[in-house]
Amino acid sequence: MNKLKVIIFLLIFNFGFSQEIAVLKYSGGGDWYANPTSLPNLVKFCNQNINTKLNTKVNSVDVGSAELFLYPFVHMTGHGNVIFNNNDVQNLRNYLNAGGFLHIDDNYGMDEYIRKEIKKLYPDNELVEIPKTHQIFQTPYSFPNGLPKIHEHDNKQPQAFGIFIENRLALLYTYECDLGDGWESPEVHNDPLAVREKALKMGANIINYVFSN
């Protein structure tokens, strides 16, 4: 990895120069652009409720781009196929190893594809289910039962999986939850207020974890 890139990223990440988050753009045919109102709404909620100062403009960033290192937090979603080429894998792995954070939210349909790509990233580091006692479920909002269920499709329990690097959660994979759909504007899914608040609070916990660790 380019040493200058590492230095720039560490300065941005550790000293708070960047207060931006982004949507991850990937190849393979899956709709990486799904849920366009999700992250802007989450940013607004966090800035109003947990005292973040996130940039309200949410950009997209290609998984293989050097610009990935400008964002301490990137969010990935979609319903279909995902393909990381060799450059994508190396770039994303370097980003995560250097302190970056990736949240993958399965929007029902991505699971069979994304697990194979995660395996490319860390062939010797298995996805593990995140315990309900983990910080990400504790603060600033309490989720004693772990990941909440936002939209019901398959009558399966929601699960949160992760890749840990030296005890730091670097990759979060939310499955059977539809968390990002819960962040969307009210008119998109007509979710009850309580459901949207639950989703946004869980999202705020993720953002809090990234920007406070």
N, C-alpha and C. Protein backbone atom coordinates (compact mmCIF):
# COMPACT_ATOMS: atom_id res chain seq x y z
N MET A 1 0.85 -1.20 0.00
CA MET A 1 0.00 0.00 0.00
C MET A 1 0.88 1.25 0.00
N ASN A 2 0.54 2.28 -0.77
CA ASN A 2 1.28 3.51 -0.83
C ASN A 2 1.39 4.16 0.56
N LYS A 3 2.64 4.46 0.99
CA LYS A 3 2.84 4.99 2.35
C LYS A 3 2.17 6.33 2.55
N LEU A 4 2.19 7.17 1.53
CA LEU A 4 1.53 8.47 1.63
C LEU A 4 0.04 8.31 1.85
N LYS A 5 -0.57 7.33 1.15
CA LYS A 5 -1.99 7.06 1.32
C LYS A 5 -2.31 6.66 2.76
N VAL A 6 -1.44 5.83 3.34
CA VAL A 6 -1.63 5.39 4.73
C VAL A 6 -1.57 6.58 5.67
N ILE A 7 -0.56 7.43 5.48
CA ILE A 7 -0.39 8.59 6.36
C ILE A 7 -1.60 9.52 6.28
N ILE A 8 -2.05 9.79 5.05
CA ILE A 8 -3.21 10.67 4.87
C ILE A 8 -4.44 10.09 5.55
N PHE A 9 -4.64 8.78 5.34
CA PHE A 9 -5.82 8.15 5.92
C PHE A 9 -5.78 8.19 7.44
N LEU A 10 -4.62 7.88 8.02
CA LEU A 10 -4.52 7.86 9.47
C LEU A 10 -4.74 9.24 10.07
N LEU A 11 -4.25 10.26 9.39
CA LEU A 11 -4.49 11.62 9.84
C LEU A 11 -5.98 11.96 9.81
N ILE A 12 -6.61 11.60 8.70
CA ILE A 12 -8.05 11.87 8.56
C ILE A 12 -8.84 11.12 9.61
N PHE A 13 -8.54 9.83 9.75
CA PHE A 13 -9.36 8.98 10.61
C PHE A 13 -9.13 9.28 12.09
N ASN A 14 -7.88 9.39 12.49
CA ASN A 14 -7.57 9.51 13.91
C ASN A 14 -7.76 10.91 14.47
N PHE A 15 -7.66 11.92 13.60
CA PHE A 15 -7.75 13.27 14.11
C PHE A 15 -9.03 13.98 13.70
N GLY A 16 -9.93 13.23 13.07
CA GLY A 16 -11.26 13.76 12.83
C GLY A 16 -11.35 14.79 11.72
N PHE A 17 -10.38 14.81 10.80
CA PHE A 17 -10.43 15.79 9.72
C PHE A 17 -11.59 15.51 8.79
N SER A 18 -12.00 14.26 8.70
CA SER A 18 -13.10 13.91 7.81
C SER A 18 -14.34 13.56 8.62
N GLN A 19 -15.43 14.23 8.33
CA GLN A 19 -16.70 13.93 8.95
C GLN A 19 -17.70 13.55 7.85
N GLU A 20 -17.21 12.76 6.91
CA GLU A 20 -18.03 12.36 5.78
C GLU A 20 -18.23 10.86 5.75
N ILE A 21 -19.37 10.45 5.24
CA ILE A 21 -19.62 9.03 5.01
C ILE A 21 -20.04 8.86 3.55
N ALA A 22 -19.96 7.63 3.06
CA ALA A 22 -20.22 7.43 1.63
C ALA A 22 -20.89 6.09 1.38
N VAL A 23 -21.52 6.00 0.23
CA VAL A 23 -22.09 4.75 -0.28
C VAL A 23 -21.04 4.08 -1.15
N LEU A 24 -20.86 2.77 -0.96
CA LEU A 24 -19.87 2.04 -1.73
C LEU A 24 -20.44 1.60 -3.08
N LYS A 25 -19.73 1.95 -4.15
CA LYS A 25 -20.12 1.58 -5.50
C LYS A 25 -19.32 0.35 -5.93
N TYR A 26 -20.01 -0.69 -6.41
CA TYR A 26 -19.34 -1.94 -6.76
C TYR A 26 -19.86 -2.44 -8.11
N SER A 27 -19.16 -3.45 -8.65
CA SER A 27 -19.53 -4.05 -9.93
C SER A 27 -20.27 -5.37 -9.70
N GLY A 28 -20.79 -5.93 -10.80
CA GLY A 28 -21.45 -7.23 -10.72
C GLY A 28 -22.90 -7.20 -11.12
N GLY A 29 -23.50 -6.02 -11.17
CA GLY A 29 -24.89 -5.90 -11.58
C GLY A 29 -25.86 -5.60 -10.46
N GLY A 30 -25.42 -5.72 -9.22
CA GLY A 30 -26.30 -5.39 -8.10
C GLY A 30 -26.56 -3.90 -8.01
N ASP A 31 -27.69 -3.55 -7.43
CA ASP A 31 -28.09 -2.14 -7.36
C ASP A 31 -27.48 -1.46 -6.13
N TRP A 32 -26.20 -1.09 -6.24
CA TRP A 32 -25.47 -0.44 -5.16
C TRP A 32 -26.12 0.88 -4.76
N TYR A 33 -26.90 1.44 -5.66
CA TYR A 33 -27.52 2.76 -5.48
C TYR A 33 -28.90 2.66 -4.80
N ALA A 34 -29.28 1.47 -4.33
CA ALA A 34 -30.59 1.31 -3.68
C ALA A 34 -30.68 2.21 -2.44
N ASN A 35 -31.90 2.49 -2.05
CA ASN A 35 -32.18 3.27 -0.83
C ASN A 35 -31.49 4.65 -0.84
N PRO A 36 -31.77 5.48 -1.84
CA PRO A 36 -31.04 6.75 -1.97
C PRO A 36 -31.26 7.74 -0.84
N THR A 37 -32.37 7.63 -0.11
CA THR A 37 -32.61 8.59 0.98
C THR A 37 -32.08 8.10 2.32
N SER A 38 -31.57 6.87 2.36
CA SER A 38 -31.19 6.26 3.64
C SER A 38 -30.09 7.02 4.37
N LEU A 39 -28.93 7.13 3.75
CA LEU A 39 -27.81 7.75 4.45
C LEU A 39 -28.03 9.24 4.73
N PRO A 40 -28.60 10.02 3.81
CA PRO A 40 -28.88 11.41 4.18
C PRO A 40 -29.79 11.52 5.41
N ASN A 41 -30.78 10.64 5.50
CA ASN A 41 -31.66 10.67 6.67
C ASN A 41 -30.92 10.25 7.94
N LEU A 42 -30.04 9.27 7.82
CA LEU A 42 -29.27 8.83 8.98
C LEU A 42 -28.32 9.94 9.44
N VAL A 43 -27.67 10.61 8.51
CA VAL A 43 -26.80 11.73 8.85
C VAL A 43 -27.58 12.79 9.62
N LYS A 44 -28.74 13.16 9.10
CA LYS A 44 -29.56 14.18 9.75
C LYS A 44 -29.95 13.74 11.16
N PHE A 45 -30.35 12.48 11.31
CA PHE A 45 -30.74 11.97 12.63
C PHE A 45 -29.56 12.03 13.60
N CYS A 46 -28.40 11.61 13.15
CA CYS A 46 -27.22 11.60 14.02
C CYS A 46 -26.81 13.01 14.42
N ASN A 47 -26.80 13.91 13.47
CA ASN A 47 -26.41 15.29 13.78
C ASN A 47 -27.37 15.94 14.77
N GLN A 48 -28.63 15.55 14.71
CA GLN A 48 -29.63 16.14 15.60
C GLN A 48 -29.70 15.46 16.97
N ASN A 49 -29.29 14.20 17.03
CA ASN A 49 -29.55 13.44 18.25
C ASN A 49 -28.32 12.93 18.99
N ILE A 50 -27.20 12.76 18.31
CA ILE A 50 -26.01 12.25 19.02
C ILE A 50 -24.80 13.17 18.83
N ASN A 51 -25.08 14.41 18.45
CA ASN A 51 -24.06 15.46 18.42
C ASN A 51 -22.92 15.21 17.44
N THR A 52 -23.18 14.48 16.37
CA THR A 52 -22.18 14.38 15.31
C THR A 52 -22.25 15.64 14.44
N LYS A 53 -21.23 15.82 13.65
CA LYS A 53 -21.18 16.95 12.72
C LYS A 53 -20.86 16.42 11.33
N LEU A 54 -21.61 15.42 10.92
CA LEU A 54 -21.37 14.78 9.64
C LEU A 54 -21.79 15.70 8.49
N ASN A 55 -21.04 15.62 7.41
CA ASN A 55 -21.39 16.36 6.20
C ASN A 55 -22.72 15.82 5.67
N THR A 56 -23.65 16.70 5.41
CA THR A 56 -24.98 16.27 4.95
C THR A 56 -24.98 15.80 3.51
N LYS A 57 -23.90 16.08 2.78
CA LYS A 57 -23.78 15.58 1.42
C LYS A 57 -23.14 14.20 1.48
N VAL A 58 -23.86 13.18 1.02
CA VAL A 58 -23.36 11.81 1.02
C VAL A 58 -22.92 11.45 -0.40
N ASN A 59 -21.65 11.14 -0.55
CA ASN A 59 -21.10 10.80 -1.86
C ASN A 59 -21.12 9.30 -2.08
N SER A 60 -20.85 8.89 -3.30
CA SER A 60 -20.58 7.48 -3.61
C SER A 60 -19.11 7.35 -3.92
N VAL A 61 -18.54 6.19 -3.58
CA VAL A 61 -17.12 5.98 -3.81
C VAL A 61 -16.91 4.57 -4.34
N ASP A 62 -16.10 4.44 -5.36
CA ASP A 62 -15.84 3.14 -5.96
C ASP A 62 -14.95 2.31 -5.03
N VAL A 63 -15.25 1.03 -4.94
CA VAL A 63 -14.54 0.16 -4.01
C VAL A 63 -13.05 0.08 -4.32
N GLY A 64 -12.67 0.29 -5.57
CA GLY A 64 -11.27 0.21 -5.94
C GLY A 64 -10.56 1.54 -6.01
N SER A 65 -11.23 2.62 -5.60
CA SER A 65 -10.68 3.96 -5.74
C SER A 65 -9.85 4.37 -4.52
N ALA A 66 -8.82 5.18 -4.75
CA ALA A 66 -8.03 5.75 -3.65
C ALA A 66 -8.87 6.67 -2.79
N GLU A 67 -9.96 7.20 -3.35
CA GLU A 67 -10.82 8.10 -2.59
C GLU A 67 -11.54 7.39 -1.44
N LEU A 68 -11.55 6.07 -1.47
CA LEU A 68 -12.14 5.31 -0.37
C LEU A 68 -11.54 5.74 0.96
N PHE A 69 -10.26 6.08 0.96
CA PHE A 69 -9.54 6.40 2.18
C PHE A 69 -9.92 7.76 2.76
N LEU A 70 -10.77 8.49 2.08
CA LEU A 70 -11.27 9.77 2.59
C LEU A 70 -12.43 9.59 3.56
N TYR A 71 -12.98 8.38 3.63
CA TYR A 71 -14.21 8.16 4.39
C TYR A 71 -14.00 7.16 5.52
N PRO A 72 -14.14 7.58 6.77
CA PRO A 72 -14.01 6.64 7.88
C PRO A 72 -15.11 5.58 7.89
N PHE A 73 -16.24 5.87 7.27
CA PHE A 73 -17.39 4.95 7.24
C PHE A 73 -17.92 4.88 5.81
N VAL A 74 -18.08 3.65 5.29
CA VAL A 74 -18.75 3.46 4.01
C VAL A 74 -19.85 2.41 4.19
N HIS A 75 -20.92 2.62 3.47
CA HIS A 75 -22.13 1.79 3.57
C HIS A 75 -22.37 1.12 2.22
N MET A 76 -22.70 -0.16 2.27
CA MET A 76 -22.91 -0.94 1.05
C MET A 76 -24.25 -1.67 1.14
N THR A 77 -25.02 -1.60 0.07
CA THR A 77 -26.31 -2.29 0.09
C THR A 77 -26.66 -2.75 -1.32
N GLY A 78 -27.83 -3.35 -1.48
CA GLY A 78 -28.29 -3.81 -2.78
C GLY A 78 -29.05 -5.11 -2.67
N HIS A 79 -29.55 -5.56 -3.83
CA HIS A 79 -30.37 -6.77 -3.88
C HIS A 79 -29.75 -7.90 -4.70
N GLY A 80 -28.63 -7.62 -5.38
CA GLY A 80 -28.16 -8.60 -6.35
C GLY A 80 -26.68 -8.91 -6.29
N ASN A 81 -26.13 -9.19 -7.46
CA ASN A 81 -24.77 -9.69 -7.56
C ASN A 81 -23.72 -8.64 -7.19
N VAL A 82 -22.63 -9.14 -6.63
CA VAL A 82 -21.49 -8.31 -6.24
C VAL A 82 -20.23 -9.01 -6.73
N ILE A 83 -19.34 -8.24 -7.37
CA ILE A 83 -18.05 -8.79 -7.79
C ILE A 83 -16.95 -7.80 -7.42
N PHE A 84 -16.00 -8.26 -6.60
CA PHE A 84 -14.80 -7.49 -6.32
C PHE A 84 -13.66 -8.07 -7.15
N ASN A 85 -13.04 -7.25 -8.00
CA ASN A 85 -11.87 -7.74 -8.72
C ASN A 85 -10.64 -7.67 -7.80
N ASN A 86 -9.50 -8.08 -8.31
CA ASN A 86 -8.30 -8.15 -7.46
C ASN A 86 -7.91 -6.79 -6.89
N ASN A 87 -8.03 -5.75 -7.70
CA ASN A 87 -7.73 -4.41 -7.21
C ASN A 87 -8.71 -3.98 -6.13
N ASP A 88 -9.99 -4.29 -6.32
CA ASP A 88 -11.01 -3.96 -5.33
C ASP A 88 -10.69 -4.63 -4.00
N VAL A 89 -10.36 -5.91 -4.07
CA VAL A 89 -10.07 -6.68 -2.85
C VAL A 89 -8.89 -6.07 -2.10
N GLN A 90 -7.82 -5.79 -2.83
CA GLN A 90 -6.62 -5.24 -2.19
C GLN A 90 -6.90 -3.87 -1.59
N ASN A 91 -7.60 -3.03 -2.34
CA ASN A 91 -7.89 -1.68 -1.87
C ASN A 91 -8.79 -1.69 -0.64
N LEU A 92 -9.82 -2.50 -0.69
CA LEU A 92 -10.76 -2.56 0.43
C LEU A 92 -10.10 -3.17 1.66
N ARG A 93 -9.30 -4.20 1.46
CA ARG A 93 -8.60 -4.81 2.59
C ARG A 93 -7.63 -3.81 3.23
N ASN A 94 -6.89 -3.07 2.40
CA ASN A 94 -5.98 -2.06 2.94
C ASN A 94 -6.73 -1.00 3.74
N TYR A 95 -7.88 -0.59 3.20
CA TYR A 95 -8.71 0.41 3.87
C TYR A 95 -9.17 -0.09 5.24
N LEU A 96 -9.66 -1.30 5.30
CA LEU A 96 -10.15 -1.85 6.57
C LEU A 96 -9.01 -2.07 7.55
N ASN A 97 -7.90 -2.57 7.06
CA ASN A 97 -6.75 -2.82 7.94
C ASN A 97 -6.18 -1.53 8.51
N ALA A 98 -6.34 -0.44 7.76
CA ALA A 98 -5.80 0.85 8.20
C ALA A 98 -6.73 1.58 9.17
N GLY A 99 -7.91 1.04 9.41
CA GLY A 99 -8.82 1.67 10.36
C GLY A 99 -10.18 2.04 9.81
N GLY A 100 -10.42 1.76 8.53
CA GLY A 100 -11.72 2.08 7.94
C GLY A 100 -12.80 1.12 8.39
N PHE A 101 -14.04 1.47 8.09
CA PHE A 101 -15.20 0.68 8.52
C PHE A 101 -16.16 0.52 7.35
N LEU A 102 -16.60 -0.71 7.13
CA LEU A 102 -17.58 -1.02 6.09
C LEU A 102 -18.81 -1.63 6.72
N HIS A 103 -19.97 -1.03 6.45
CA HIS A 103 -21.25 -1.61 6.86
C HIS A 103 -21.95 -2.14 5.61
N ILE A 104 -22.17 -3.43 5.57
CA ILE A 104 -22.90 -4.07 4.47
C ILE A 104 -24.29 -4.41 4.98
N ASP A 105 -25.30 -3.90 4.31
CA ASP A 105 -26.69 -4.16 4.70
C ASP A 105 -27.37 -4.95 3.59
N ASP A 106 -27.62 -6.23 3.84
CA ASP A 106 -28.30 -7.07 2.85
C ASP A 106 -29.73 -6.60 2.68
N ASN A 107 -30.07 -6.18 1.48
CA ASN A 107 -31.40 -5.66 1.19
C ASN A 107 -32.28 -6.77 0.61
N TYR A 108 -32.06 -8.01 1.12
CA TYR A 108 -32.76 -9.20 0.65
C TYR A 108 -32.42 -9.51 -0.81
N GLY A 109 -31.43 -10.37 -0.99
CA GLY A 109 -31.01 -10.77 -2.32
C GLY A 109 -29.51 -10.72 -2.52
N MET A 110 -28.79 -10.05 -1.63
CA MET A 110 -27.35 -9.89 -1.75
C MET A 110 -26.57 -11.02 -1.09
N ASP A 111 -27.16 -11.70 -0.13
CA ASP A 111 -26.43 -12.59 0.76
C ASP A 111 -25.58 -13.64 0.04
N GLU A 112 -26.15 -14.34 -0.92
CA GLU A 112 -25.42 -15.43 -1.58
C GLU A 112 -24.20 -14.93 -2.34
N TYR A 113 -24.21 -13.65 -2.71
CA TYR A 113 -23.10 -13.08 -3.46
C TYR A 113 -22.05 -12.44 -2.55
N ILE A 114 -22.51 -11.69 -1.56
CA ILE A 114 -21.57 -10.91 -0.76
C ILE A 114 -20.71 -11.79 0.13
N ARG A 115 -21.22 -12.92 0.58
CA ARG A 115 -20.40 -13.78 1.44
C ARG A 115 -19.15 -14.28 0.71
N LYS A 116 -19.29 -14.54 -0.58
CA LYS A 116 -18.14 -14.99 -1.36
C LYS A 116 -17.10 -13.88 -1.50
N GLU A 117 -17.56 -12.65 -1.63
CA GLU A 117 -16.64 -11.52 -1.78
C GLU A 117 -15.96 -11.20 -0.45
N ILE A 118 -16.69 -11.34 0.65
CA ILE A 118 -16.06 -11.15 1.96
C ILE A 118 -14.96 -12.18 2.18
N LYS A 119 -15.21 -13.40 1.69
CA LYS A 119 -14.21 -14.46 1.81
C LYS A 119 -12.95 -14.11 1.02
N LYS A 120 -13.11 -13.41 -0.09
CA LYS A 120 -11.94 -12.96 -0.85
C LYS A 120 -11.11 -11.96 -0.02
N LEU A 121 -11.81 -11.11 0.70
CA LEU A 121 -11.14 -10.09 1.50
C LEU A 121 -10.31 -10.72 2.62
N TYR A 122 -10.93 -11.65 3.34
CA TYR A 122 -10.29 -12.26 4.50
C TYR A 122 -10.51 -13.77 4.47
N PRO A 123 -9.75 -14.47 3.64
CA PRO A 123 -9.94 -15.92 3.51
C PRO A 123 -9.69 -16.69 4.79
N ASP A 124 -8.90 -16.11 5.71
CA ASP A 124 -8.58 -16.81 6.96
C ASP A 124 -9.29 -16.21 8.16
N ASN A 125 -10.21 -15.31 7.92
CA ASN A 125 -10.89 -14.61 9.01
C ASN A 125 -12.39 -14.74 8.78
N GLU A 126 -13.03 -15.65 9.48
CA GLU A 126 -14.44 -15.94 9.26
C GLU A 126 -15.35 -14.84 9.79
N LEU A 127 -16.48 -14.65 9.10
CA LEU A 127 -17.54 -13.84 9.67
C LEU A 127 -18.01 -14.48 10.97
N VAL A 128 -18.14 -13.68 12.02
CA VAL A 128 -18.63 -14.20 13.29
C VAL A 128 -19.86 -13.40 13.70
N GLU A 129 -20.78 -14.06 14.37
CA GLU A 129 -21.95 -13.33 14.85
C GLU A 129 -21.54 -12.44 16.01
N ILE A 130 -21.99 -11.20 15.97
CA ILE A 130 -21.61 -10.22 16.98
C ILE A 130 -22.49 -10.42 18.21
N PRO A 131 -21.89 -10.57 19.38
CA PRO A 131 -22.69 -10.82 20.59
C PRO A 131 -23.56 -9.62 20.96
N LYS A 132 -24.68 -9.90 21.59
CA LYS A 132 -25.61 -8.84 21.97
C LYS A 132 -25.02 -7.88 22.99
N THR A 133 -23.95 -8.29 23.63
CA THR A 133 -23.28 -7.45 24.63
C THR A 133 -22.28 -6.48 24.01
N HIS A 134 -22.07 -6.56 22.70
CA HIS A 134 -21.09 -5.68 22.06
C HIS A 134 -21.52 -4.23 22.16
N GLN A 135 -20.52 -3.35 22.18
CA GLN A 135 -20.76 -1.92 22.31
C GLN A 135 -21.73 -1.38 21.27
N ILE A 136 -21.72 -1.96 20.09
CA ILE A 136 -22.55 -1.42 19.02
C ILE A 136 -24.05 -1.55 19.31
N PHE A 137 -24.40 -2.42 20.25
CA PHE A 137 -25.80 -2.57 20.66
C PHE A 137 -26.11 -1.86 21.98
N GLN A 138 -25.13 -1.17 22.52
CA GLN A 138 -25.28 -0.61 23.86
C GLN A 138 -25.40 0.90 23.92
N THR A 139 -24.71 1.58 23.01
CA THR A 139 -24.64 3.03 23.15
C THR A 139 -24.64 3.72 21.77
N PRO A 140 -25.29 4.87 21.69
CA PRO A 140 -26.03 5.60 22.72
C PRO A 140 -27.43 5.04 22.99
N TYR A 141 -27.87 4.10 22.18
CA TYR A 141 -29.20 3.51 22.37
C TYR A 141 -29.05 2.03 22.69
N SER A 142 -29.90 1.56 23.58
CA SER A 142 -29.81 0.18 24.05
C SER A 142 -30.64 -0.77 23.19
N PHE A 143 -29.99 -1.81 22.69
CA PHE A 143 -30.66 -2.88 21.96
C PHE A 143 -30.28 -4.20 22.64
N PRO A 144 -30.91 -4.50 23.77
CA PRO A 144 -30.52 -5.68 24.56
C PRO A 144 -30.70 -7.00 23.81
N ASN A 145 -31.56 -7.01 22.80
CA ASN A 145 -31.78 -8.23 22.02
C ASN A 145 -30.97 -8.25 20.72
N GLY A 146 -30.04 -7.32 20.59
CA GLY A 146 -29.22 -7.28 19.39
C GLY A 146 -29.90 -6.56 18.25
N LEU A 147 -29.54 -6.94 17.04
CA LEU A 147 -30.01 -6.27 15.83
C LEU A 147 -31.54 -6.32 15.73
N PRO A 148 -32.19 -5.17 15.51
CA PRO A 148 -33.65 -5.17 15.41
C PRO A 148 -34.13 -5.64 14.03
N LYS A 149 -35.34 -6.16 13.99
CA LYS A 149 -35.98 -6.53 12.72
C LYS A 149 -36.76 -5.32 12.22
N ILE A 150 -36.47 -4.89 11.00
CA ILE A 150 -37.14 -3.72 10.45
C ILE A 150 -38.23 -4.12 9.45
N HIS A 151 -37.89 -4.96 8.47
CA HIS A 151 -38.88 -5.44 7.50
C HIS A 151 -38.89 -6.97 7.50
N GLU A 152 -40.05 -7.54 7.51
CA GLU A 152 -40.22 -8.99 7.53
C GLU A 152 -40.36 -9.52 6.12
N HIS A 153 -39.56 -10.52 5.79
CA HIS A 153 -39.66 -11.16 4.49
C HIS A 153 -39.72 -12.68 4.62
N ASP A 154 -38.81 -13.23 5.42
CA ASP A 154 -38.63 -14.68 5.44
C ASP A 154 -38.85 -15.32 6.81
N ASN A 155 -39.38 -14.55 7.74
CA ASN A 155 -39.61 -15.07 9.10
C ASN A 155 -38.33 -15.60 9.75
N LYS A 156 -37.21 -14.97 9.41
CA LYS A 156 -35.93 -15.34 10.01
C LYS A 156 -35.48 -14.26 10.97
N GLN A 157 -34.69 -14.67 11.96
CA GLN A 157 -34.16 -13.73 12.92
C GLN A 157 -33.10 -12.84 12.28
N PRO A 158 -33.10 -11.55 12.58
CA PRO A 158 -32.02 -10.69 12.09
C PRO A 158 -30.71 -11.07 12.77
N GLN A 159 -29.63 -10.96 12.03
CA GLN A 159 -28.32 -11.28 12.57
C GLN A 159 -27.29 -10.23 12.15
N ALA A 160 -26.38 -9.95 13.05
CA ALA A 160 -25.28 -9.04 12.77
C ALA A 160 -23.99 -9.85 12.81
N PHE A 161 -23.27 -9.85 11.70
CA PHE A 161 -21.99 -10.55 11.61
C PHE A 161 -20.87 -9.53 11.46
N GLY A 162 -19.68 -9.96 11.80
CA GLY A 162 -18.57 -9.03 11.70
C GLY A 162 -17.25 -9.70 11.38
N ILE A 163 -16.35 -8.87 10.87
CA ILE A 163 -14.93 -9.21 10.76
C ILE A 163 -14.20 -8.30 11.74
N PHE A 164 -13.45 -8.91 12.64
CA PHE A 164 -12.71 -8.16 13.64
C PHE A 164 -11.23 -8.16 13.27
N ILE A 165 -10.61 -6.99 13.41
CA ILE A 165 -9.18 -6.84 13.18
C ILE A 165 -8.57 -6.31 14.47
N GLU A 166 -7.79 -7.15 15.15
CA GLU A 166 -7.20 -6.80 16.44
C GLU A 166 -8.26 -6.27 17.40
N ASN A 167 -9.34 -7.02 17.51
CA ASN A 167 -10.47 -6.73 18.42
C ASN A 167 -11.30 -5.52 18.02
N ARG A 168 -11.01 -4.92 16.88
CA ARG A 168 -11.82 -3.81 16.38
C ARG A 168 -12.77 -4.33 15.31
N LEU A 169 -14.05 -4.02 15.46
CA LEU A 169 -15.01 -4.38 14.43
C LEU A 169 -14.76 -3.50 13.21
N ALA A 170 -14.33 -4.11 12.11
CA ALA A 170 -13.99 -3.36 10.91
C ALA A 170 -15.03 -3.51 9.82
N LEU A 171 -15.70 -4.66 9.80
CA LEU A 171 -16.73 -4.93 8.79
C LEU A 171 -17.97 -5.45 9.50
N LEU A 172 -19.07 -4.78 9.31
CA LEU A 172 -20.36 -5.17 9.89
C LEU A 172 -21.29 -5.60 8.77
N TYR A 173 -21.85 -6.78 8.89
CA TYR A 173 -22.79 -7.29 7.90
C TYR A 173 -24.12 -7.54 8.59
N THR A 174 -25.13 -6.73 8.25
CA THR A 174 -26.46 -6.88 8.84
C THR A 174 -27.34 -7.67 7.87
N TYR A 175 -27.92 -8.74 8.40
CA TYR A 175 -28.60 -9.75 7.58
C TYR A 175 -30.01 -10.01 8.12
N GLU A 176 -30.98 -10.16 7.19
CA GLU A 176 -32.38 -10.41 7.56
C GLU A 176 -32.94 -9.30 8.45
N CYS A 177 -32.58 -8.08 8.12
CA CYS A 177 -32.95 -6.95 8.96
C CYS A 177 -33.60 -5.83 8.15
N ASP A 178 -32.99 -5.50 7.00
CA ASP A 178 -33.43 -4.37 6.16
C ASP A 178 -33.26 -3.03 6.87
N LEU A 179 -32.15 -2.89 7.54
CA LEU A 179 -31.89 -1.69 8.32
C LEU A 179 -31.94 -0.43 7.46
N GLY A 180 -31.29 -0.46 6.30
CA GLY A 180 -31.26 0.72 5.44
C GLY A 180 -32.62 1.15 4.94
N ASP A 181 -33.52 0.19 4.71
CA ASP A 181 -34.88 0.55 4.31
C ASP A 181 -35.57 1.34 5.40
N GLY A 182 -35.24 1.03 6.64
CA GLY A 182 -35.83 1.75 7.76
C GLY A 182 -35.33 3.17 7.90
N TRP A 183 -34.19 3.47 7.27
CA TRP A 183 -33.67 4.84 7.28
C TRP A 183 -34.30 5.70 6.20
N GLU A 184 -34.94 5.07 5.23
CA GLU A 184 -35.48 5.84 4.10
C GLU A 184 -36.59 6.79 4.55
N SER A 185 -36.91 7.74 3.69
CA SER A 185 -37.94 8.73 4.00
C SER A 185 -39.29 8.04 4.23
N PRO A 186 -40.15 8.60 5.07
CA PRO A 186 -41.40 7.93 5.49
C PRO A 186 -42.27 7.46 4.34
N GLU A 187 -42.32 8.23 3.26
CA GLU A 187 -43.23 7.90 2.16
C GLU A 187 -42.74 6.73 1.30
N VAL A 188 -41.49 6.32 1.46
CA VAL A 188 -40.95 5.25 0.62
C VAL A 188 -41.56 3.90 0.97
N HIS A 189 -41.61 3.59 2.26
CA HIS A 189 -42.14 2.29 2.69
C HIS A 189 -43.35 2.41 3.61
N ASN A 190 -43.70 3.65 3.95
CA ASN A 190 -44.84 3.88 4.86
C ASN A 190 -44.67 3.13 6.18
N ASP A 191 -43.44 3.09 6.68
CA ASP A 191 -43.18 2.44 7.96
C ASP A 191 -43.76 3.27 9.10
N PRO A 192 -44.27 2.61 10.13
CA PRO A 192 -44.69 3.34 11.33
C PRO A 192 -43.50 4.11 11.92
N LEU A 193 -43.79 5.19 12.61
CA LEU A 193 -42.74 6.02 13.19
C LEU A 193 -41.83 5.21 14.11
N ALA A 194 -42.42 4.30 14.88
CA ALA A 194 -41.63 3.51 15.83
C ALA A 194 -40.61 2.63 15.12
N VAL A 195 -40.98 2.11 13.94
CA VAL A 195 -40.06 1.26 13.17
C VAL A 195 -38.91 2.09 12.62
N ARG A 196 -39.22 3.25 12.05
CA ARG A 196 -38.17 4.12 11.53
C ARG A 196 -37.23 4.58 12.64
N GLU A 197 -37.77 4.91 13.79
CA GLU A 197 -36.94 5.36 14.91
C GLU A 197 -36.01 4.24 15.37
N LYS A 198 -36.52 3.03 15.40
CA LYS A 198 -35.71 1.89 15.81
C LYS A 198 -34.54 1.70 14.84
N ALA A 199 -34.83 1.80 13.55
CA ALA A 199 -33.78 1.65 12.54
C ALA A 199 -32.75 2.77 12.64
N LEU A 200 -33.22 4.00 12.77
CA LEU A 200 -32.31 5.14 12.85
C LEU A 200 -31.46 5.10 14.12
N LYS A 201 -32.03 4.65 15.21
CA LYS A 201 -31.26 4.55 16.45
C LYS A 201 -30.17 3.49 16.33
N MET A 202 -30.49 2.36 15.67
CA MET A 202 -29.47 1.35 15.47
C MET A 202 -28.38 1.89 14.54
N GLY A 203 -28.79 2.63 13.52
CA GLY A 203 -27.81 3.27 12.65
C GLY A 203 -26.93 4.26 13.39
N ALA A 204 -27.53 5.00 14.31
CA ALA A 204 -26.76 5.95 15.12
C ALA A 204 -25.74 5.24 15.99
N ASN A 205 -26.09 4.06 16.48
CA ASN A 205 -25.12 3.28 17.26
C ASN A 205 -23.92 2.89 16.41
N ILE A 206 -24.18 2.53 15.14
CA ILE A 206 -23.09 2.16 14.24
C ILE A 206 -22.18 3.37 13.99
N ILE A 207 -22.79 4.50 13.67
CA ILE A 207 -22.03 5.71 13.44
C ILE A 207 -21.24 6.10 14.70
N ASN A 208 -21.86 6.03 15.84
CA ASN A 208 -21.19 6.35 17.10
C ASN A 208 -19.97 5.47 17.33
N TYR A 209 -20.13 4.17 17.02
CA TYR A 209 -19.00 3.23 17.19
C TYR A 209 -17.84 3.64 16.29
N VAL A 210 -18.13 3.98 15.06
CA VAL A 210 -17.07 4.31 14.11
C VAL A 210 -16.33 5.58 14.50
N PHE A 211 -17.08 6.61 14.91
CA PHE A 211 -16.48 7.91 15.15
C PHE A 211 -16.01 8.13 16.58
N SER A 212 -16.18 7.13 17.43
CA SER A 212 -15.72 7.27 18.81
C SER A 212 -14.69 6.23 19.19
N ASN A 213 -14.25 5.40 18.23
CA ASN A 213 -13.26 4.36 18.52
C ASN A 213 -12.01 4.54 17.64
